[in-house]
Each structure stands twice: as C-alpha cells, then as structure tokens.
Amino acid sequence: MVGDFSSLRGQDRAVSLLRRYLSTGNVPPGLLFHGEEGIGKEKAANAFIASLFCGSRTPGGACGACPDCRLLASGAHPNLLRVSPENHFIQIAEIRALKEELSLKAFSDRVRVALICPADRMTLQAANALLKTLEEPPPSTHLVLVAHRLSELPVTIVSRCQKIPFSTLAADVVEEILRGLPGACAGHSPGTIRAAAACSGGSPGRTLLLLDEMEEDRRMWTELFSGLDPAAVAAAGESWKKGGERKGQISVPLSMARDLALLSSGTNEAIINGDLGEPLRAIAGRKTPNGWIRALQALLSMSRMPPQAQKRLALEAFLYRLHGEG
C-alpha cells in the first residue's frame, strides 16, 4: 500500500513544506529529512516520493491507484532507487553503484528518486562520493536523505540539501499513535502505555521498544526504590549485565526518580508514572526533595557512561548509596 500524508501526526510544519513543493512543482534536487529516530521521517519521505510519482495526486498525497502508485506499492518501481546499510554503514561502493545507476537513462521521462536511509550511516568516503551528484544531479532526479543525527553528516552534505525538520511529539500524541497501531498496545496497561510514551522523548518508535520491558522494569524499580534488598540489587545488576545496553534501559529509573523528587516536594502535577501514585507517594516520603534530586543526578551521570562491565557495578553502588543517605 502506498502511504499518504494523512497518517502523519504532529508534523504539520514538515508536511506543509512538502505539500508546497509538490503544489508549486519546485522540488529541490536534494532533500534532507532529519529529526529523532522513530518520529515519522521515513514514512513522510515515502509519502512524498509516492506523491512525486503519482499521476493522479490528491490533496492528501498519492492516489494509490494509478500505474505509478501500483508499481511503487509492489516495490518494483524502476525510477525509485534505495540505498541503506548492508551492515552498519553505507559504504562508498554502494554510493558508486547508485551514481552509476543514475547515469543511465531513466525509465520513461518521469521523475526519478534516490532514497538514502539512514543517510547518517554513510562513511565519510561515501558521503564525499555523493557530493558531486548532489551538486549536479541528472535531469528530473531528486535525492532524498533521511537522517536521525544531523551532526553525523558532513557539513558539505547538509549545505547542499533543503532541510525538512521533524519535531519530537507530545506524549499524548505518541500515545494516540500507538493506540491506532493494531496490536501495539496489546497486553499493556493504560498506565504503562502512558509512561512509555512520556519516557520515549517524543518518538513512537522508541515507545514501542520501551513497552516490551516497561511493565517489568517499573515493578523492579518500585521495589528497588522502596528499600534495600541485597538480593534484589544483585538481580537488578545481573539483568543489566544480561540485557547489555538495552535501548531505554535507564528511562524507567530516571522517570521514577523524577516523580519521587516532585512528590517529595508536595507536587502532584506532571507525574509520569501516575498509575503508581500511591506506592510512589509512600516511597517519596523516605527522602527529602534534595535527596531524590541527588538520586536523579546520579542516574543521569550513569546514563552517560559508555557501555562497559563497570556499569553493572555502578548500578549496585548507586542503590546501596541511595538507601544509606537521606
């Protein structure tokens, strides 16, 4: 199925800019979709490309029924070239292959698009090899780059593209998007979904990753913050060791320490883990607001540590220290 712009939530500025390009026909040769991972950049890029190809475009984007849309939906449109990492990085050989393909005559006289995603995975050599094509693309050719981290791209690449910025989403919008995805929220309580959305940094994609472990992580950290149990501390350290550097692993303790700092100061508003209100209020009273702020700062410092075996020891040391001070 060919996507359109109607399913994109919370990205009105980016969608408005893309629609303006389509309506005026003045589409830049290089477009750079950038923003946090999992907030709809690739989805928007695909909707934009579909609209470029579509022979019967509607206000919402591609019609989904014309020959170009059907070709695109089948994954076999000859005028769409995709480049993505074969391993972790996009190598110079892949960019050279793209350039060679673009040097050949296009299928029909219609527009041709090269989609590079994620573009911030290009090696420096690959990025440099792309520069000439960005500066002087073949006729009716557009290069669409999707990047999660703009800082990872050379300035020379960024400066040659029209940037399309994507914003992180409000937690309620993230939650609404998840509830609209079939099966995404199955087996998760409303409170867990709400907390995951709030901890995701405005990314539905990251929220989905958090949800898998959120229930168990919140239960574990409620116990760890409640009191000192050496067996539970050791188990927590072991779970961190086995889980490696699981994405979002620190999100639950950070959100709970934040809530505890707010609750201990008498504030009940903007609590992330609102469904755990009673247990958290009981825990919050065991420390002063400054004590919970120090705990939050210690967790933030731990979150910035590079992946290493000592992180498990740092977690255990943090928990013993947490229950040894006021």
C-alpha atoms as a PDB file:
ATOM      1  CA  MET A   1       0.000   0.000   0.000  1.00  0.00           C
ATOM      2  CA  VAL A   2       1.245   3.496  -0.889  1.00  0.00           C
ATOM      3  CA  GLY A   3       1.212   5.891   2.072  1.00  0.00           C
ATOM      4  CA  ASP A   4      -0.004   9.473   2.067  1.00  0.00           C
ATOM      5  CA  PHE A   5       0.362  12.477   4.354  1.00  0.00           C
ATOM      6  CA  SER A   6      -2.933  11.977   6.192  1.00  0.00           C
ATOM      7  CA  SER A   7      -1.475   9.366   8.552  1.00  0.00           C
ATOM      8  CA  LEU A   8       1.367  11.619   9.748  1.00  0.00           C
ATOM      9  CA  ARG A   9       0.661  13.094  13.178  1.00  0.00           C
ATOM     10  CA  GLY A  10       2.295  16.067  14.844  1.00  0.00           C
ATOM     11  CA  GLN A  11       4.479  17.010  11.865  1.00  0.00           C
ATOM     12  CA  ASP A  12       2.360  19.780  10.348  1.00  0.00           C
ATOM     13  CA  ARG A  13       5.308  22.049   9.603  1.00  0.00           C
ATOM     14  CA  ALA A  14       7.205  19.394   7.645  1.00  0.00           C
ATOM     15  CA  VAL A  15       4.091  18.213   5.795  1.00  0.00           C
ATOM     16  CA  SER A  16       3.154  21.794   4.897  1.00  0.00           C
ATOM     17  CA  LEU A  17       6.596  22.394   3.411  1.00  0.00           C
ATOM     18  CA  LEU A  18       6.476  19.157   1.395  1.00  0.00           C
ATOM     19  CA  ARG A  19       2.994  19.941   0.077  1.00  0.00           C
ATOM     20  CA  ARG A  20       4.197  23.375  -1.003  1.00  0.00           C
ATOM     21  CA  TYR A  21       6.985  21.817  -3.037  1.00  0.00           C
ATOM     22  CA  LEU A  22       4.503  19.461  -4.686  1.00  0.00           C
ATOM     23  CA  SER A  23       1.925  22.144  -5.450  1.00  0.00           C
ATOM     24  CA  THR A  24       4.449  24.560  -6.955  1.00  0.00           C
ATOM     25  CA  GLY A  25       6.426  21.865  -8.751  1.00  0.00           C
ATOM     26  CA  ASN A  26       9.587  23.498  -7.441  1.00  0.00           C
ATOM     27  CA  VAL A  27      11.102  20.437  -5.754  1.00  0.00           C
ATOM     28  CA  PRO A  28      14.765  20.833  -4.708  1.00  0.00           C
ATOM     29  CA  PRO A  29      17.181  18.255  -6.124  1.00  0.00           C
ATOM     30  CA  GLY A  30      18.361  17.361  -2.607  1.00  0.00           C
ATOM     31  CA  LEU A  31      16.046  16.977   0.406  1.00  0.00           C
ATOM     32  CA  LEU A  32      17.207  16.095   3.911  1.00  0.00           C
ATOM     33  CA  PHE A  33      14.561  14.763   6.328  1.00  0.00           C
ATOM     34  CA  HIS A  34      16.064  14.991   9.822  1.00  0.00           C
ATOM     35  CA  GLY A  35      14.994  14.546  13.431  1.00  0.00           C
ATOM     36  CA  GLU A  36      14.861  11.948  16.207  1.00  0.00           C
ATOM     37  CA  GLU A  37      14.537   8.302  15.310  1.00  0.00           C
ATOM     38  CA  GLY A  38      11.023   6.872  15.152  1.00  0.00           C
ATOM     39  CA  ILE A  39       9.032  10.108  14.645  1.00  0.00           C
ATOM     40  CA  GLY A  40       7.852   9.558  11.066  1.00  0.00           C
ATOM     41  CA  LYS A  41      10.685  10.831   8.833  1.00  0.00           C
ATOM     42  CA  GLU A  42      10.929   7.743   6.636  1.00  0.00           C
ATOM     43  CA  LYS A  43       7.159   7.455   6.468  1.00  0.00           C
ATOM     44  CA  ALA A  44       6.949  11.087   5.328  1.00  0.00           C
ATOM     45  CA  ALA A  45       9.749  10.563   2.804  1.00  0.00           C
ATOM     46  CA  ASN A  46       7.924   7.598   1.295  1.00  0.00           C
ATOM     47  CA  ALA A  47       4.651   9.568   1.152  1.00  0.00           C
ATOM     48  CA  PHE A  48       6.451  12.454  -0.549  1.00  0.00           C
ATOM     49  CA  ILE A  49       8.125  10.155  -3.084  1.00  0.00           C
ATOM     50  CA  ALA A  50       4.795   8.483  -3.822  1.00  0.00           C
ATOM     51  CA  SER A  51       3.257  11.909  -4.438  1.00  0.00           C
ATOM     52  CA  LEU A  52       6.100  12.824  -6.785  1.00  0.00           C
ATOM     53  CA  PHE A  53       5.482   9.697  -8.867  1.00  0.00           C
ATOM     54  CA  CYS A  54       1.672   9.732  -8.712  1.00  0.00           C
ATOM     55  CA  GLY A  55      -0.156  10.595 -11.923  1.00  0.00           C
ATOM     56  CA  SER A  56      -3.411  11.466 -10.127  1.00  0.00           C
ATOM     57  CA  ARG A  57      -2.263  13.218  -6.980  1.00  0.00           C
ATOM     58  CA  THR A  58      -4.905  14.161  -4.400  1.00  0.00           C
ATOM     59  CA  PRO A  59      -4.752  16.844  -1.661  1.00  0.00           C
ATOM     60  CA  GLY A  60      -3.737  14.077   0.761  1.00  0.00           C
ATOM     61  CA  GLY A  61      -0.911  12.849  -1.449  1.00  0.00           C
ATOM     62  CA  ALA A  62      -0.616   9.873  -3.792  1.00  0.00           C
ATOM     63  CA  CYS A  63      -3.864   8.374  -5.109  1.00  0.00           C
ATOM     64  CA  GLY A  64      -2.721   4.784  -4.565  1.00  0.00           C
ATOM     65  CA  ALA A  65      -4.449   3.534  -7.713  1.00  0.00           C
ATOM     66  CA  CYS A  66      -2.590   4.870 -10.771  1.00  0.00           C
ATOM     67  CA  PRO A  67       0.062   2.742 -12.562  1.00  0.00           C
ATOM     68  CA  ASP A  68       2.936   4.515 -10.785  1.00  0.00           C
ATOM     69  CA  CYS A  69       1.314   4.002  -7.381  1.00  0.00           C
ATOM     70  CA  ARG A  70       0.723   0.330  -8.104  1.00  0.00           C
ATOM     71  CA  LEU A  71       4.332  -0.091  -9.219  1.00  0.00           C
ATOM     72  CA  LEU A  72       5.536   1.651  -6.078  1.00  0.00           C
ATOM     73  CA  ALA A  73       3.305  -0.493  -3.859  1.00  0.00           C
ATOM     74  CA  SER A  74       4.751  -3.628  -5.435  1.00  0.00           C
ATOM     75  CA  GLY A  75       8.268  -2.483  -4.518  1.00  0.00           C
ATOM     76  CA  ALA A  76       9.338  -2.646  -8.159  1.00  0.00           C
ATOM     77  CA  HIS A  77       9.164   0.956  -9.371  1.00  0.00           C
ATOM     78  CA  PRO A  78      12.195   1.309 -11.681  1.00  0.00           C
ATOM     79  CA  ASN A  79      12.554   5.040 -11.020  1.00  0.00           C
ATOM     80  CA  LEU A  80      12.995   4.625  -7.254  1.00  0.00           C
ATOM     81  CA  LEU A  81      16.485   3.662  -6.103  1.00  0.00           C
ATOM     82  CA  ARG A  82      17.012   2.814  -2.426  1.00  0.00           C
ATOM     83  CA  VAL A  83      20.300   2.830  -0.528  1.00  0.00           C
ATOM     84  CA  SER A  84      20.538   1.524   3.046  1.00  0.00           C
ATOM     85  CA  PRO A  85      23.355  -0.042   5.081  1.00  0.00           C
ATOM     86  CA  GLU A  86      24.191  -3.628   4.188  1.00  0.00           C
ATOM     87  CA  ASN A  87      25.870  -3.920   7.564  1.00  0.00           C
ATOM     88  CA  HIS A  88      26.184  -0.974   9.937  1.00  0.00           C
ATOM     89  CA  PHE A  89      27.374   1.656   7.462  1.00  0.00           C
ATOM     90  CA  ILE A  90      26.646   2.761   3.908  1.00  0.00           C
ATOM     91  CA  GLN A  91      29.941   2.197   2.123  1.00  0.00           C
ATOM     92  CA  ILE A  92      31.457   4.071  -0.822  1.00  0.00           C
ATOM     93  CA  ALA A  93      30.790   1.080  -3.108  1.00  0.00           C
ATOM     94  CA  GLU A  94      27.035   1.474  -2.546  1.00  0.00           C
ATOM     95  CA  ILE A  95      27.152   5.174  -3.429  1.00  0.00           C
ATOM     96  CA  ARG A  96      29.232   4.459  -6.512  1.00  0.00           C
ATOM     97  CA  ALA A  97      26.674   1.867  -7.594  1.00  0.00           C
ATOM     98  CA  LEU A  98      23.913   4.458  -7.088  1.00  0.00           C
ATOM     99  CA  LYS A  99      25.799   7.029  -9.166  1.00  0.00           C
ATOM    100  CA  GLU A 100      26.291   4.511 -11.958  1.00  0.00           C
ATOM    101  CA  GLU A 101      22.575   3.684 -11.911  1.00  0.00           C
ATOM    102  CA  LEU A 102      21.666   7.367 -12.042  1.00  0.00           C
ATOM    103  CA  SER A 103      23.945   7.875 -15.025  1.00  0.00           C
ATOM    104  CA  LEU A 104      21.768   5.501 -17.060  1.00  0.00           C
ATOM    105  CA  LYS A 105      18.647   6.648 -18.863  1.00  0.00           C
ATOM    106  CA  ALA A 106      15.593   6.711 -16.608  1.00  0.00           C
ATOM    107  CA  PHE A 107      12.562   4.507 -17.142  1.00  0.00           C
ATOM    108  CA  SER A 108      10.213   6.834 -19.069  1.00  0.00           C
ATOM    109  CA  ASP A 109      10.681  10.605 -18.918  1.00  0.00           C
ATOM    110  CA  ARG A 110       9.141  10.886 -15.465  1.00  0.00           C
ATOM    111  CA  VAL A 111      10.841  11.908 -12.233  1.00  0.00           C
ATOM    112  CA  ARG A 112      13.476   9.661 -10.658  1.00  0.00           C
ATOM    113  CA  VAL A 113      14.287   9.489  -6.937  1.00  0.00           C
ATOM    114  CA  ALA A 114      17.158   8.053  -4.887  1.00  0.00           C
ATOM    115  CA  LEU A 115      16.248   7.429  -1.229  1.00  0.00           C
ATOM    116  CA  ILE A 116      19.195   7.126   1.174  1.00  0.00           C
ATOM    117  CA  CYS A 117      18.144   5.988   4.652  1.00  0.00           C
ATOM    118  CA  PRO A 118      19.591   6.431   7.166  1.00  0.00           C
ATOM    119  CA  ALA A 119      21.946   8.861   5.467  1.00  0.00           C
ATOM    120  CA  ASP A 120      23.892   9.496   8.679  1.00  0.00           C
ATOM    121  CA  ARG A 121      25.227   5.943   8.356  1.00  0.00           C
ATOM    122  CA  MET A 122      27.286   6.906   5.299  1.00  0.00           C
ATOM    123  CA  THR A 123      31.031   6.671   5.798  1.00  0.00           C
ATOM    124  CA  LEU A 124      32.945   9.885   5.132  1.00  0.00           C
ATOM    125  CA  GLN A 125      34.206   8.399   1.860  1.00  0.00           C
ATOM    126  CA  ALA A 126      30.655   7.512   0.809  1.00  0.00           C
ATOM    127  CA  ALA A 127      29.392  10.994   1.685  1.00  0.00           C
ATOM    128  CA  ASN A 128      32.198  12.617  -0.280  1.00  0.00           C
ATOM    129  CA  ALA A 129      31.385  10.400  -3.262  1.00  0.00           C
ATOM    130  CA  LEU A 130      27.787  11.674  -3.161  1.00  0.00           C
ATOM    131  CA  LEU A 131      28.714  15.366  -3.214  1.00  0.00           C
ATOM    132  CA  LYS A 132      29.061  15.750  -6.980  1.00  0.00           C
ATOM    133  CA  THR A 133      25.684  14.124  -7.587  1.00  0.00           C
ATOM    134  CA  LEU A 134      24.054  16.452  -5.036  1.00  0.00           C
ATOM    135  CA  GLU A 135      25.631  19.451  -6.729  1.00  0.00           C
ATOM    136  CA  GLU A 136      24.759  18.387 -10.275  1.00  0.00           C
ATOM    137  CA  PRO A 137      22.024  15.717 -10.242  1.00  0.00           C
ATOM    138  CA  PRO A 138      20.838  14.251 -13.548  1.00  0.00           C
ATOM    139  CA  PRO A 139      17.719  15.902 -15.035  1.00  0.00           C
ATOM    140  CA  SER A 140      14.422  15.202 -13.197  1.00  0.00           C
ATOM    141  CA  THR A 141      16.326  13.426 -10.405  1.00  0.00           C
ATOM    142  CA  HIS A 142      15.889  14.057  -6.695  1.00  0.00           C
ATOM    143  CA  LEU A 143      17.977  12.720  -3.824  1.00  0.00           C
ATOM    144  CA  VAL A 144      16.032  12.201  -0.597  1.00  0.00           C
ATOM    145  CA  LEU A 145      18.170  11.691   2.507  1.00  0.00           C
ATOM    146  CA  VAL A 146      16.714  10.601   5.861  1.00  0.00           C
ATOM    147  CA  ALA A 147      18.944  11.191   8.904  1.00  0.00           C
ATOM    148  CA  HIS A 148      18.419  10.580  12.622  1.00  0.00           C
ATOM    149  CA  ARG A 149      21.500  12.564  13.691  1.00  0.00           C
ATOM    150  CA  LEU A 150      22.249  15.617  11.608  1.00  0.00           C
ATOM    151  CA  SER A 151      25.592  16.071  13.382  1.00  0.00           C
ATOM    152  CA  GLU A 152      26.812  12.758  11.926  1.00  0.00           C
ATOM    153  CA  LEU A 153      26.564  14.102   8.371  1.00  0.00           C
ATOM    154  CA  PRO A 154      29.370  16.199   6.850  1.00  0.00           C
ATOM    155  CA  VAL A 155      28.528  19.896   6.624  1.00  0.00           C
ATOM    156  CA  THR A 156      29.171  19.699   2.884  1.00  0.00           C
ATOM    157  CA  ILE A 157      26.252  17.239   2.508  1.00  0.00           C
ATOM    158  CA  VAL A 158      23.900  19.219   4.777  1.00  0.00           C
ATOM    159  CA  SER A 159      24.610  22.501   2.988  1.00  0.00           C
ATOM    160  CA  ARG A 160      23.664  21.030  -0.387  1.00  0.00           C
ATOM    161  CA  CYS A 161      20.210  19.859   0.725  1.00  0.00           C
ATOM    162  CA  GLN A 162      16.967  21.561   1.601  1.00  0.00           C
ATOM    163  CA  LYS A 163      16.395  20.555   5.231  1.00  0.00           C
ATOM    164  CA  ILE A 164      12.994  19.202   6.300  1.00  0.00           C
ATOM    165  CA  PRO A 165      12.971  19.252  10.135  1.00  0.00           C
ATOM    166  CA  PHE A 166      10.846  16.799  12.105  1.00  0.00           C
ATOM    167  CA  SER A 167       9.873  17.504  15.712  1.00  0.00           C
ATOM    168  CA  THR A 168       9.575  15.179  18.669  1.00  0.00           C
ATOM    169  CA  LEU A 169       5.942  14.577  19.591  1.00  0.00           C
ATOM    170  CA  ALA A 170       3.972  15.332  22.728  1.00  0.00           C
ATOM    171  CA  ALA A 171       3.384  12.288  24.928  1.00  0.00           C
ATOM    172  CA  ASP A 172      -0.386  12.324  24.352  1.00  0.00           C
ATOM    173  CA  VAL A 173       0.160  12.332  20.576  1.00  0.00           C
ATOM    174  CA  VAL A 174       2.604   9.414  20.875  1.00  0.00           C
ATOM    175  CA  GLU A 175       0.069   7.530  22.973  1.00  0.00           C
ATOM    176  CA  GLU A 176      -2.688   8.197  20.438  1.00  0.00           C
ATOM    177  CA  ILE A 177      -0.483   6.986  17.572  1.00  0.00           C
ATOM    178  CA  LEU A 178       0.301   3.760  19.426  1.00  0.00           C
ATOM    179  CA  ARG A 179      -3.349   3.095  20.178  1.00  0.00           C
ATOM    180  CA  GLY A 180      -4.003   3.362  16.443  1.00  0.00           C
ATOM    181  CA  LEU A 181      -1.464   0.659  15.595  1.00  0.00           C
ATOM    182  CA  PRO A 182      -3.018  -2.836  15.500  1.00  0.00           C
ATOM    183  CA  GLY A 183      -1.698  -4.954  18.362  1.00  0.00           C
ATOM    184  CA  ALA A 184       0.857  -2.380  19.539  1.00  0.00           C
ATOM    185  CA  CYS A 185      -0.749  -1.913  22.967  1.00  0.00           C
ATOM    186  CA  ALA A 186      -1.981  -5.466  23.464  1.00  0.00           C
ATOM    187  CA  GLY A 187      -1.196  -6.796  26.933  1.00  0.00           C
ATOM    188  CA  HIS A 188      -0.093  -3.426  28.321  1.00  0.00           C
ATOM    189  CA  SER A 189      -1.968  -1.418  30.931  1.00  0.00           C
ATOM    190  CA  PRO A 190      -3.014   2.170  30.139  1.00  0.00           C
ATOM    191  CA  GLY A 191      -0.598   3.443  32.797  1.00  0.00           C
ATOM    192  CA  THR A 192       2.323   1.552  31.286  1.00  0.00           C
ATOM    193  CA  ILE A 193       1.495   2.864  27.802  1.00  0.00           C
ATOM    194  CA  ARG A 194       1.257   6.407  29.130  1.00  0.00           C
ATOM    195  CA  ALA A 195       4.577   6.115  30.984  1.00  0.00           C
ATOM    196  CA  ALA A 196       6.341   4.634  27.964  1.00  0.00           C
ATOM    197  CA  ALA A 197       5.061   7.468  25.776  1.00  0.00           C
ATOM    198  CA  ALA A 198       6.312  10.032  28.294  1.00  0.00           C
ATOM    199  CA  CYS A 199       9.739   8.358  28.524  1.00  0.00           C
ATOM    200  CA  SER A 200      10.247   7.996  24.789  1.00  0.00           C
ATOM    201  CA  GLY A 201      11.463  11.509  24.076  1.00  0.00           C
ATOM    202  CA  GLY A 202       8.573  12.105  21.686  1.00  0.00           C
ATOM    203  CA  SER A 203       9.249   9.058  19.500  1.00  0.00           C
ATOM    204  CA  PRO A 204       6.522   6.460  18.788  1.00  0.00           C
ATOM    205  CA  GLY A 205       9.195   4.078  17.510  1.00  0.00           C
ATOM    206  CA  ARG A 206      11.164   4.326  20.753  1.00  0.00           C
ATOM    207  CA  THR A 207       7.950   3.918  22.758  1.00  0.00           C
ATOM    208  CA  LEU A 208       7.319   0.565  21.088  1.00  0.00           C
ATOM    209  CA  LEU A 209      10.796  -0.570  22.134  1.00  0.00           C
ATOM    210  CA  LEU A 210      10.224   0.574  25.708  1.00  0.00           C
ATOM    211  CA  LEU A 211       6.848  -1.146  26.019  1.00  0.00           C
ATOM    212  CA  ASP A 212       8.308  -4.634  25.770  1.00  0.00           C
ATOM    213  CA  GLU A 213      10.144  -4.238  29.092  1.00  0.00           C
ATOM    214  CA  MET A 214       8.261  -1.376  30.724  1.00  0.00           C
ATOM    215  CA  GLU A 215       5.922  -3.385  32.956  1.00  0.00           C
ATOM    216  CA  GLU A 216       8.666  -5.500  34.494  1.00  0.00           C
ATOM    217  CA  ASP A 217      11.110  -2.598  34.766  1.00  0.00           C
ATOM    218  CA  ARG A 218       8.608  -0.439  36.667  1.00  0.00           C
ATOM    219  CA  ARG A 219       7.794  -3.286  39.055  1.00  0.00           C
ATOM    220  CA  MET A 220      11.504  -3.923  39.670  1.00  0.00           C
ATOM    221  CA  TRP A 221      12.348  -0.260  40.280  1.00  0.00           C
ATOM    222  CA  THR A 222       9.384   0.249  42.609  1.00  0.00           C
ATOM    223  CA  GLU A 223      10.903  -2.478  44.779  1.00  0.00           C
ATOM    224  CA  LEU A 224      14.446  -1.122  44.450  1.00  0.00           C
ATOM    225  CA  PHE A 225      13.388   2.393  45.468  1.00  0.00           C
ATOM    226  CA  SER A 226      11.240   1.028  48.321  1.00  0.00           C
ATOM    227  CA  GLY A 227      14.068  -0.404  50.378  1.00  0.00           C
ATOM    228  CA  LEU A 228      17.447  -2.100  50.403  1.00  0.00           C
ATOM    229  CA  ASP A 229      17.280  -5.784  49.482  1.00  0.00           C
ATOM    230  CA  PRO A 230      20.763  -7.097  48.570  1.00  0.00           C
ATOM    231  CA  ALA A 231      19.259  -9.972  46.576  1.00  0.00           C
ATOM    232  CA  ALA A 232      17.104  -7.559  44.547  1.00  0.00           C
ATOM    233  CA  VAL A 233      20.120  -5.278  43.991  1.00  0.00           C
ATOM    234  CA  ALA A 234      22.181  -8.217  42.701  1.00  0.00           C
ATOM    235  CA  ALA A 235      19.299  -9.333  40.467  1.00  0.00           C
ATOM    236  CA  ALA A 236      18.993  -5.820  39.027  1.00  0.00           C
ATOM    237  CA  GLY A 237      22.710  -5.741  38.298  1.00  0.00           C
ATOM    238  CA  GLU A 238      22.503  -9.142  36.647  1.00  0.00           C
ATOM    239  CA  SER A 239      19.573  -8.043  34.480  1.00  0.00           C
ATOM    240  CA  TRP A 240      21.588  -5.058  33.268  1.00  0.00           C
ATOM    241  CA  LYS A 241      24.528  -7.341  32.502  1.00  0.00           C
ATOM    242  CA  LYS A 242      22.367  -9.805  30.546  1.00  0.00           C
ATOM    243  CA  GLY A 243      20.441  -7.074  28.782  1.00  0.00           C
ATOM    244  CA  GLY A 244      23.631  -5.417  27.584  1.00  0.00           C
ATOM    245  CA  GLU A 245      22.988  -1.779  26.827  1.00  0.00           C
ATOM    246  CA  ARG A 246      19.295  -2.219  26.120  1.00  0.00           C
ATOM    247  CA  LYS A 247      17.851   0.862  24.498  1.00  0.00           C
ATOM    248  CA  GLY A 248      15.871   2.870  27.010  1.00  0.00           C
ATOM    249  CA  GLN A 249      17.043   0.787  29.978  1.00  0.00           C
ATOM    250  CA  ILE A 250      17.673   3.882  32.092  1.00  0.00           C
ATOM    251  CA  SER A 251      14.364   5.534  31.176  1.00  0.00           C
ATOM    252  CA  VAL A 252      12.266   3.890  33.910  1.00  0.00           C
ATOM    253  CA  PRO A 253      14.520   4.706  36.907  1.00  0.00           C
ATOM    254  CA  LEU A 254      15.029   8.245  35.586  1.00  0.00           C
ATOM    255  CA  SER A 255      11.283   8.804  35.256  1.00  0.00           C
ATOM    256  CA  MET A 256      10.604   7.377  38.710  1.00  0.00           C
ATOM    257  CA  ALA A 257      13.371   9.361  40.428  1.00  0.00           C
ATOM    258  CA  ARG A 258      11.963  12.489  38.773  1.00  0.00           C
ATOM    259  CA  ASP A 259       8.460  11.642  40.028  1.00  0.00           C
ATOM    260  CA  LEU A 260       9.786  10.956  43.530  1.00  0.00           C
ATOM    261  CA  ALA A 261      11.553  14.331  43.628  1.00  0.00           C
ATOM    262  CA  LEU A 262       8.316  16.074  42.624  1.00  0.00           C
ATOM    263  CA  LEU A 263       6.141  14.098  45.048  1.00  0.00           C
ATOM    264  CA  SER A 264       8.513  14.647  47.985  1.00  0.00           C
ATOM    265  CA  SER A 265       8.272  18.398  47.412  1.00  0.00           C
ATOM    266  CA  GLY A 266       4.471  18.227  47.517  1.00  0.00           C
ATOM    267  CA  THR A 267       3.855  18.461  43.766  1.00  0.00           C
ATOM    268  CA  ASN A 268       1.384  16.017  42.221  1.00  0.00           C
ATOM    269  CA  GLU A 269       1.275  17.509  38.730  1.00  0.00           C
ATOM    270  CA  ALA A 270       3.108  16.218  35.644  1.00  0.00           C
ATOM    271  CA  ILE A 271       3.855  12.841  37.219  1.00  0.00           C
ATOM    272  CA  ILE A 272       4.970  10.386  34.522  1.00  0.00           C
ATOM    273  CA  ASN A 273       4.095   7.201  36.416  1.00  0.00           C
ATOM    274  CA  GLY A 274       0.716   8.444  37.547  1.00  0.00           C
ATOM    275  CA  ASP A 275      -0.819   4.984  37.885  1.00  0.00           C
ATOM    276  CA  LEU A 276       1.811   4.192  40.555  1.00  0.00           C
ATOM    277  CA  GLY A 277       0.773   7.222  42.586  1.00  0.00           C
ATOM    278  CA  GLU A 278       0.166   5.580  45.964  1.00  0.00           C
ATOM    279  CA  PRO A 279       3.329   3.416  46.061  1.00  0.00           C
ATOM    280  CA  LEU A 280       5.441   6.313  44.831  1.00  0.00           C
ATOM    281  CA  ARG A 281       3.997   8.720  47.407  1.00  0.00           C
ATOM    282  CA  ALA A 282       4.900   6.248  50.151  1.00  0.00           C
ATOM    283  CA  ILE A 283       8.463   5.957  48.823  1.00  0.00           C
ATOM    284  CA  ALA A 284       8.839   9.719  48.252  1.00  0.00           C
ATOM    285  CA  GLY A 285       8.412  10.480  51.957  1.00  0.00           C
ATOM    286  CA  ARG A 286      11.531   8.500  52.837  1.00  0.00           C
ATOM    287  CA  LYS A 287      13.846  11.166  51.459  1.00  0.00           C
ATOM    288  CA  THR A 288      13.990  14.931  51.243  1.00  0.00           C
ATOM    289  CA  PRO A 289      13.445  16.555  47.832  1.00  0.00           C
ATOM    290  CA  ASN A 290      17.201  17.189  47.673  1.00  0.00           C
ATOM    291  CA  GLY A 291      17.857  13.523  48.372  1.00  0.00           C
ATOM    292  CA  TRP A 292      15.751  12.464  45.375  1.00  0.00           C
ATOM    293  CA  ILE A 293      17.311  15.182  43.224  1.00  0.00           C
ATOM    294  CA  ARG A 294      20.753  13.769  44.077  1.00  0.00           C
ATOM    295  CA  ALA A 295      19.491  10.310  43.103  1.00  0.00           C
ATOM    296  CA  LEU A 296      18.200  11.673  39.798  1.00  0.00           C
ATOM    297  CA  GLN A 297      21.550  13.357  39.109  1.00  0.00           C
ATOM    298  CA  ALA A 298      23.420  10.134  39.891  1.00  0.00           C
ATOM    299  CA  LEU A 299      21.213   8.209  37.449  1.00  0.00           C
ATOM    300  CA  LEU A 300      21.771  10.861  34.782  1.00  0.00           C
ATOM    301  CA  SER A 301      25.535  10.509  35.248  1.00  0.00           C
ATOM    302  CA  MET A 302      25.214   6.741  34.953  1.00  0.00           C
ATOM    303  CA  SER A 303      23.195   7.073  31.747  1.00  0.00           C
ATOM    304  CA  ARG A 304      26.118   8.908  30.142  1.00  0.00           C
ATOM    305  CA  MET A 305      28.627   6.163  30.944  1.00  0.00           C
ATOM    306  CA  PRO A 306      29.923   4.243  27.923  1.00  0.00           C
ATOM    307  CA  PRO A 307      28.823   0.602  27.607  1.00  0.00           C
ATOM    308  CA  GLN A 308      31.107  -1.400  29.864  1.00  0.00           C
ATOM    309  CA  ALA A 309      31.062  -4.052  32.569  1.00  0.00           C
ATOM    310  CA  GLN A 310      31.535  -1.417  35.313  1.00  0.00           C
ATOM    311  CA  LYS A 311      28.051  -0.066  34.616  1.00  0.00           C
ATOM    312  CA  ARG A 312      26.588  -3.023  36.498  1.00  0.00           C
ATOM    313  CA  LEU A 313      28.812  -2.221  39.483  1.00  0.00           C
ATOM    314  CA  ALA A 314      27.859   1.443  39.220  1.00  0.00           C
ATOM    315  CA  LEU A 315      24.179   0.491  39.406  1.00  0.00           C
ATOM    316  CA  GLU A 316      24.718  -1.640  42.504  1.00  0.00           C
ATOM    317  CA  ALA A 317      26.806   1.077  44.159  1.00  0.00           C
ATOM    318  CA  PHE A 318      24.081   3.641  43.377  1.00  0.00           C
ATOM    319  CA  LEU A 319      21.399   1.511  45.057  1.00  0.00           C
ATOM    320  CA  TYR A 320      23.443   0.880  48.198  1.00  0.00           C
ATOM    321  CA  ARG A 321      24.264   4.574  48.434  1.00  0.00           C
ATOM    322  CA  LEU A 322      20.611   5.513  47.796  1.00  0.00           C
ATOM    323  CA  HIS A 323      19.457   3.720  50.921  1.00  0.00           C
ATOM    324  CA  GLY A 324      22.371   4.890  53.025  1.00  0.00           C
ATOM    325  CA  GLU A 325      21.656   8.609  52.838  1.00  0.00           C
ATOM    326  CA  GLY A 326      18.740  10.917  53.454  1.00  0.00           C
END
